[in-house]
Amino acid sequence: LRSNKIEKIEVETFMGLNSLEYLDISNNRIKIVNKNTFYGLNSLRYINLIKNPIELIEQFSFSELKSLRSSPDSKGLDLNRLRLSNIEENSLVGVNNFYEANQYINFDNNQIRILKKNTFFHKKMNYLN
């Protein structure tokens, strides 16, 4: 689904894809990552969101992604080249195993103005950009 013109992904779009391990939705026109966008993707290990005009990642958006790991070409969760202006409290909840395994998150090339309290609470990271 990379490099299309996807503007919105409806809640539970991927429900039923229990075996899906890699999702590349980079280089699209997605503006919001909703709470249940990734609902049902229990086996998802890699997700690529780079180069989307994402302005908001709602609270608990990644909470269903218990198997999330780094992508094959990155060290961790790479959220660079989006248009994030604030990082909501609890928007990163659910990726604790991800951080323990990779300890890396990249918010490079965004427009972040506000960091909410507890954004990084209980996150074990060695690298935060």
N, C-alpha and C. Protein backbone atom coordinates (compact mmCIF):
# COMPACT_ATOMS: atom_id res chain seq x y z
N LEU A 1 0.81 -1.20 0.00
CA LEU A 1 0.00 0.00 0.00
C LEU A 1 0.86 1.27 0.00
N ARG A 2 2.15 1.09 -0.16
CA ARG A 2 3.07 2.22 -0.18
C ARG A 2 2.87 3.06 -1.44
N SER A 3 3.07 4.35 -1.30
CA SER A 3 3.06 5.30 -2.42
C SER A 3 1.76 5.27 -3.21
N ASN A 4 0.65 5.33 -2.51
CA ASN A 4 -0.65 5.50 -3.13
C ASN A 4 -1.15 6.89 -2.77
N LYS A 5 -2.43 7.09 -2.74
CA LYS A 5 -3.00 8.39 -2.36
C LYS A 5 -3.99 8.21 -1.21
N ILE A 6 -3.69 7.26 -0.32
CA ILE A 6 -4.57 6.97 0.80
C ILE A 6 -4.61 8.16 1.74
N GLU A 7 -5.81 8.67 1.99
CA GLU A 7 -5.99 9.81 2.88
C GLU A 7 -6.49 9.40 4.26
N LYS A 8 -7.25 8.33 4.30
CA LYS A 8 -7.84 7.90 5.57
C LYS A 8 -7.92 6.39 5.60
N ILE A 9 -7.61 5.85 6.75
CA ILE A 9 -7.80 4.41 6.97
C ILE A 9 -8.89 4.28 8.02
N GLU A 10 -9.99 3.69 7.64
CA GLU A 10 -11.12 3.53 8.55
C GLU A 10 -10.74 2.63 9.72
N VAL A 11 -11.39 2.86 10.85
CA VAL A 11 -11.20 2.03 12.03
C VAL A 11 -11.51 0.58 11.68
N GLU A 12 -10.67 -0.34 12.13
CA GLU A 12 -10.82 -1.78 11.94
C GLU A 12 -10.71 -2.21 10.47
N THR A 13 -10.06 -1.41 9.63
CA THR A 13 -9.86 -1.77 8.22
C THR A 13 -9.12 -3.10 8.09
N PHE A 14 -8.15 -3.33 8.96
CA PHE A 14 -7.30 -4.51 8.85
C PHE A 14 -7.77 -5.67 9.71
N MET A 15 -8.94 -5.54 10.32
CA MET A 15 -9.47 -6.60 11.18
C MET A 15 -9.62 -7.89 10.37
N GLY A 16 -9.16 -8.98 10.93
CA GLY A 16 -9.23 -10.27 10.25
C GLY A 16 -7.91 -10.68 9.62
N LEU A 17 -6.96 -9.75 9.55
CA LEU A 17 -5.64 -10.06 9.00
C LEU A 17 -4.71 -10.47 10.14
N ASN A 18 -5.11 -11.49 10.87
CA ASN A 18 -4.41 -11.92 12.08
C ASN A 18 -2.98 -12.37 11.83
N SER A 19 -2.64 -12.79 10.63
CA SER A 19 -1.30 -13.29 10.34
C SER A 19 -0.40 -12.25 9.70
N LEU A 20 -0.92 -11.06 9.41
CA LEU A 20 -0.13 -10.02 8.77
C LEU A 20 1.03 -9.60 9.67
N GLU A 21 2.26 -9.63 9.13
CA GLU A 21 3.45 -9.28 9.89
C GLU A 21 4.08 -7.97 9.44
N TYR A 22 3.86 -7.54 8.22
CA TYR A 22 4.50 -6.33 7.70
C TYR A 22 3.46 -5.46 7.01
N LEU A 23 3.40 -4.19 7.39
CA LEU A 23 2.46 -3.26 6.79
C LEU A 23 3.21 -2.00 6.39
N ASP A 24 3.23 -1.71 5.11
CA ASP A 24 3.90 -0.52 4.61
C ASP A 24 2.84 0.41 4.02
N ILE A 25 2.54 1.47 4.76
CA ILE A 25 1.59 2.48 4.29
C ILE A 25 2.30 3.83 4.19
N SER A 26 3.58 3.78 3.88
CA SER A 26 4.38 4.99 3.76
C SER A 26 4.05 5.74 2.47
N ASN A 27 4.42 7.01 2.48
CA ASN A 27 4.29 7.85 1.29
C ASN A 27 2.85 7.90 0.76
N ASN A 28 1.93 8.18 1.67
CA ASN A 28 0.53 8.35 1.31
C ASN A 28 0.08 9.73 1.79
N ARG A 29 -1.20 9.92 2.03
CA ARG A 29 -1.74 11.21 2.46
C ARG A 29 -2.50 11.10 3.78
N ILE A 30 -2.10 10.16 4.61
CA ILE A 30 -2.77 9.91 5.88
C ILE A 30 -2.48 11.05 6.85
N LYS A 31 -3.54 11.60 7.47
CA LYS A 31 -3.38 12.74 8.38
C LYS A 31 -3.58 12.36 9.84
N ILE A 32 -4.38 11.33 10.11
CA ILE A 32 -4.68 10.93 11.49
C ILE A 32 -4.55 9.42 11.62
N VAL A 33 -3.91 8.99 12.69
CA VAL A 33 -3.89 7.57 13.05
C VAL A 33 -4.86 7.43 14.21
N ASN A 34 -5.99 6.78 13.94
CA ASN A 34 -7.05 6.62 14.93
C ASN A 34 -6.75 5.48 15.91
N LYS A 35 -7.43 5.51 17.03
CA LYS A 35 -7.22 4.55 18.10
C LYS A 35 -7.31 3.10 17.61
N ASN A 36 -8.27 2.76 16.84
CA ASN A 36 -8.46 1.36 16.42
C ASN A 36 -8.09 1.10 14.96
N THR A 37 -7.25 1.94 14.40
CA THR A 37 -6.81 1.74 13.02
C THR A 37 -6.17 0.38 12.83
N PHE A 38 -5.38 -0.04 13.80
CA PHE A 38 -4.62 -1.30 13.67
C PHE A 38 -5.24 -2.45 14.44
N TYR A 39 -6.51 -2.30 14.80
CA TYR A 39 -7.21 -3.33 15.58
C TYR A 39 -7.19 -4.68 14.86
N GLY A 40 -6.82 -5.72 15.59
CA GLY A 40 -6.82 -7.07 15.04
C GLY A 40 -5.50 -7.50 14.44
N LEU A 41 -4.52 -6.61 14.39
CA LEU A 41 -3.22 -6.96 13.80
C LEU A 41 -2.27 -7.47 14.89
N ASN A 42 -2.67 -8.56 15.50
CA ASN A 42 -1.93 -9.12 16.64
C ASN A 42 -0.54 -9.63 16.27
N SER A 43 -0.33 -10.00 15.02
CA SER A 43 0.97 -10.54 14.60
C SER A 43 1.86 -9.52 13.92
N LEU A 44 1.38 -8.28 13.79
CA LEU A 44 2.14 -7.26 13.07
C LEU A 44 3.46 -6.97 13.76
N ARG A 45 4.55 -7.16 13.02
CA ARG A 45 5.89 -6.95 13.57
C ARG A 45 6.52 -5.65 13.04
N TYR A 46 6.15 -5.25 11.84
CA TYR A 46 6.76 -4.08 11.21
C TYR A 46 5.67 -3.18 10.64
N ILE A 47 5.83 -1.88 10.85
CA ILE A 47 4.90 -0.92 10.25
C ILE A 47 5.70 0.29 9.78
N ASN A 48 5.41 0.74 8.59
CA ASN A 48 6.11 1.89 8.03
C ASN A 48 5.08 2.99 7.75
N LEU A 49 5.23 4.11 8.48
CA LEU A 49 4.33 5.25 8.33
C LEU A 49 5.03 6.47 7.75
N ILE A 50 6.28 6.36 7.42
CA ILE A 50 7.11 7.49 6.98
C ILE A 50 6.49 8.20 5.76
N LYS A 51 6.72 9.50 5.70
CA LYS A 51 6.30 10.35 4.58
C LYS A 51 4.79 10.39 4.40
N ASN A 52 4.08 10.51 5.51
CA ASN A 52 2.65 10.79 5.51
C ASN A 52 2.48 12.14 6.20
N PRO A 53 1.48 12.93 5.83
CA PRO A 53 1.27 14.21 6.52
C PRO A 53 0.50 14.02 7.83
N ILE A 54 0.90 13.03 8.63
CA ILE A 54 0.22 12.70 9.88
C ILE A 54 0.40 13.84 10.87
N GLU A 55 -0.72 14.39 11.31
CA GLU A 55 -0.72 15.49 12.27
C GLU A 55 -1.04 15.00 13.67
N LEU A 56 -1.75 13.88 13.77
CA LEU A 56 -2.20 13.39 15.06
C LEU A 56 -2.14 11.87 15.12
N ILE A 57 -1.56 11.37 16.19
CA ILE A 57 -1.64 9.96 16.53
C ILE A 57 -2.46 9.91 17.80
N GLU A 58 -3.68 9.39 17.70
CA GLU A 58 -4.58 9.39 18.85
C GLU A 58 -4.06 8.51 19.97
N GLN A 59 -4.58 8.75 21.16
CA GLN A 59 -4.21 7.94 22.32
C GLN A 59 -4.50 6.47 22.05
N PHE A 60 -3.60 5.62 22.48
CA PHE A 60 -3.73 4.17 22.39
C PHE A 60 -3.76 3.65 20.95
N SER A 61 -3.27 4.41 20.00
CA SER A 61 -3.29 3.99 18.59
C SER A 61 -2.50 2.71 18.35
N PHE A 62 -1.44 2.50 19.13
CA PHE A 62 -0.60 1.32 18.94
C PHE A 62 -0.89 0.22 19.96
N SER A 63 -1.95 0.36 20.74
CA SER A 63 -2.19 -0.56 21.86
C SER A 63 -2.44 -2.00 21.44
N GLU A 64 -2.88 -2.22 20.23
CA GLU A 64 -3.14 -3.59 19.75
C GLU A 64 -1.90 -4.28 19.17
N LEU A 65 -0.84 -3.54 19.00
CA LEU A 65 0.34 -4.06 18.30
C LEU A 65 1.34 -4.68 19.27
N LYS A 66 0.96 -5.79 19.86
CA LYS A 66 1.78 -6.45 20.88
C LYS A 66 3.04 -7.09 20.31
N SER A 67 3.09 -7.37 19.02
CA SER A 67 4.24 -8.03 18.41
C SER A 67 5.15 -7.06 17.67
N LEU A 68 4.86 -5.76 17.74
CA LEU A 68 5.60 -4.77 16.97
C LEU A 68 7.09 -4.79 17.30
N ARG A 69 7.90 -4.79 16.28
CA ARG A 69 9.35 -4.73 16.40
C ARG A 69 9.85 -3.67 15.42
N SER A 70 11.13 -3.53 15.31
CA SER A 70 11.66 -2.56 14.35
C SER A 70 11.49 -3.08 12.93
N SER A 71 11.49 -2.18 11.99
CA SER A 71 11.43 -2.59 10.58
C SER A 71 12.79 -3.12 10.17
N PRO A 72 12.86 -3.88 9.09
CA PRO A 72 14.15 -4.44 8.67
C PRO A 72 15.20 -3.39 8.37
N ASP A 73 14.79 -2.18 8.02
CA ASP A 73 15.76 -1.15 7.65
C ASP A 73 15.90 -0.04 8.69
N SER A 74 15.38 -0.24 9.90
CA SER A 74 15.55 0.76 10.95
C SER A 74 15.81 0.09 12.29
N LYS A 75 16.22 0.89 13.26
CA LYS A 75 16.52 0.36 14.58
C LYS A 75 15.31 0.33 15.49
N GLY A 76 14.28 1.07 15.17
CA GLY A 76 13.12 1.15 16.05
C GLY A 76 11.93 1.78 15.37
N LEU A 77 11.09 2.42 16.16
CA LEU A 77 9.89 3.05 15.63
C LEU A 77 10.28 4.38 14.98
N ASP A 78 10.17 4.43 13.69
CA ASP A 78 10.60 5.60 12.94
C ASP A 78 9.38 6.39 12.51
N LEU A 79 9.16 7.52 13.15
CA LEU A 79 8.02 8.39 12.84
C LEU A 79 8.52 9.70 12.26
N ASN A 80 9.57 9.61 11.47
CA ASN A 80 10.11 10.85 10.89
C ASN A 80 9.40 11.21 9.60
N ARG A 81 9.53 12.47 9.25
CA ARG A 81 8.93 13.05 8.05
C ARG A 81 7.42 12.96 8.04
N LEU A 82 6.82 13.17 9.21
CA LEU A 82 5.38 13.31 9.33
C LEU A 82 5.12 14.79 9.58
N ARG A 83 3.94 15.13 10.00
CA ARG A 83 3.64 16.53 10.35
C ARG A 83 3.11 16.64 11.78
N LEU A 84 3.62 15.80 12.65
CA LEU A 84 3.17 15.81 14.03
C LEU A 84 3.45 17.16 14.67
N SER A 85 2.42 17.75 15.29
CA SER A 85 2.62 19.01 15.98
C SER A 85 2.58 18.81 17.50
N ASN A 86 1.92 17.76 17.96
CA ASN A 86 1.99 17.42 19.37
C ASN A 86 1.91 15.90 19.52
N ILE A 87 2.45 15.45 20.63
CA ILE A 87 2.42 14.02 20.92
C ILE A 87 1.51 13.84 22.12
N GLU A 88 0.38 13.21 21.89
CA GLU A 88 -0.65 13.05 22.91
C GLU A 88 -0.19 12.12 24.03
N GLU A 89 -0.67 12.39 25.23
CA GLU A 89 -0.46 11.49 26.34
C GLU A 89 -1.05 10.13 25.97
N ASN A 90 -0.35 9.07 26.23
CA ASN A 90 -0.78 7.69 25.97
C ASN A 90 -0.85 7.32 24.49
N SER A 91 -0.35 8.15 23.60
CA SER A 91 -0.38 7.78 22.18
C SER A 91 0.60 6.66 21.88
N LEU A 92 1.57 6.45 22.74
CA LEU A 92 2.57 5.40 22.52
C LEU A 92 2.34 4.18 23.39
N VAL A 93 1.22 4.14 24.12
CA VAL A 93 0.89 3.00 24.95
C VAL A 93 0.69 1.78 24.08
N GLY A 94 1.21 0.65 24.54
CA GLY A 94 1.02 -0.60 23.80
C GLY A 94 2.26 -1.03 23.06
N VAL A 95 3.26 -0.19 23.04
CA VAL A 95 4.48 -0.56 22.34
C VAL A 95 5.63 -0.76 23.34
N ASN A 96 5.31 -1.13 24.58
CA ASN A 96 6.34 -1.35 25.59
C ASN A 96 7.31 -2.45 25.18
N ASN A 97 6.79 -3.57 24.67
CA ASN A 97 7.69 -4.64 24.22
C ASN A 97 8.58 -4.15 23.09
N PHE A 98 8.03 -3.30 22.27
CA PHE A 98 8.79 -2.73 21.16
C PHE A 98 9.98 -1.94 21.68
N TYR A 99 9.73 -1.10 22.66
CA TYR A 99 10.82 -0.28 23.21
C TYR A 99 11.85 -1.13 23.93
N GLU A 100 11.39 -2.13 24.65
CA GLU A 100 12.33 -2.98 25.37
C GLU A 100 13.27 -3.68 24.39
N ALA A 101 12.75 -4.05 23.23
CA ALA A 101 13.57 -4.76 22.25
C ALA A 101 14.46 -3.82 21.46
N ASN A 102 13.99 -2.62 21.20
CA ASN A 102 14.71 -1.74 20.28
C ASN A 102 15.27 -0.47 20.89
N GLN A 103 14.61 0.06 21.89
CA GLN A 103 15.09 1.22 22.63
C GLN A 103 15.42 2.41 21.73
N TYR A 104 14.61 2.65 20.72
CA TYR A 104 14.89 3.70 19.73
C TYR A 104 13.58 4.25 19.22
N ILE A 105 13.47 5.56 19.18
CA ILE A 105 12.32 6.19 18.53
C ILE A 105 12.79 7.47 17.87
N ASN A 106 12.31 7.71 16.67
CA ASN A 106 12.75 8.85 15.88
C ASN A 106 11.55 9.70 15.47
N PHE A 107 11.53 10.94 15.96
CA PHE A 107 10.51 11.91 15.59
C PHE A 107 11.10 13.01 14.72
N ASP A 108 12.21 12.74 14.08
CA ASP A 108 12.93 13.72 13.27
C ASP A 108 12.05 14.29 12.15
N ASN A 109 12.26 15.55 11.82
CA ASN A 109 11.56 16.21 10.72
C ASN A 109 10.04 16.24 10.88
N ASN A 110 9.59 16.60 12.07
CA ASN A 110 8.19 16.84 12.34
C ASN A 110 8.02 18.31 12.71
N GLN A 111 6.84 18.66 13.17
CA GLN A 111 6.57 20.05 13.58
C GLN A 111 6.10 20.07 15.03
N ILE A 112 6.74 19.29 15.88
CA ILE A 112 6.30 19.12 17.26
C ILE A 112 6.46 20.41 18.05
N ARG A 113 5.35 20.83 18.66
CA ARG A 113 5.34 22.01 19.51
C ARG A 113 4.98 21.65 20.95
N ILE A 114 4.22 20.56 21.13
CA ILE A 114 3.73 20.19 22.45
C ILE A 114 4.03 18.73 22.73
N LEU A 115 4.62 18.48 23.89
CA LEU A 115 4.80 17.12 24.40
C LEU A 115 3.93 17.01 25.66
N LYS A 116 2.95 16.13 25.63
CA LYS A 116 2.03 15.98 26.76
C LYS A 116 2.70 15.17 27.87
N LYS A 117 2.20 15.35 29.10
CA LYS A 117 2.75 14.60 30.23
C LYS A 117 2.59 13.10 30.01
N ASN A 118 3.49 12.35 30.56
CA ASN A 118 3.50 10.89 30.49
C ASN A 118 3.65 10.34 29.08
N THR A 119 4.06 11.15 28.14
CA THR A 119 4.25 10.67 26.77
C THR A 119 5.23 9.50 26.73
N PHE A 120 6.29 9.61 27.48
CA PHE A 120 7.33 8.58 27.46
C PHE A 120 7.40 7.79 28.76
N PHE A 121 6.34 7.85 29.55
CA PHE A 121 6.29 7.15 30.82
C PHE A 121 6.38 5.64 30.60
N HIS A 122 7.22 4.99 31.33
CA HIS A 122 7.45 3.54 31.26
C HIS A 122 8.05 3.09 29.94
N LYS A 123 8.66 3.97 29.22
CA LYS A 123 9.31 3.59 27.97
C LYS A 123 10.80 3.42 28.25
N LYS A 124 11.35 2.31 27.82
CA LYS A 124 12.78 2.05 28.01
C LYS A 124 13.49 2.34 26.70
N MET A 125 14.07 3.51 26.61
CA MET A 125 14.72 3.93 25.36
C MET A 125 16.16 4.30 25.61
N ASN A 126 17.00 3.98 24.65
CA ASN A 126 18.39 4.43 24.65
C ASN A 126 18.56 5.61 23.71
N TYR A 127 17.64 5.78 22.77
CA TYR A 127 17.78 6.82 21.76
C TYR A 127 16.43 7.46 21.51
N LEU A 128 16.37 8.76 21.66
CA LEU A 128 15.16 9.51 21.38
C LEU A 128 15.55 10.71 20.56
N ASN A 129 15.07 10.79 19.35
CA ASN A 129 15.40 11.91 18.45
C ASN A 129 14.12 12.63 18.08
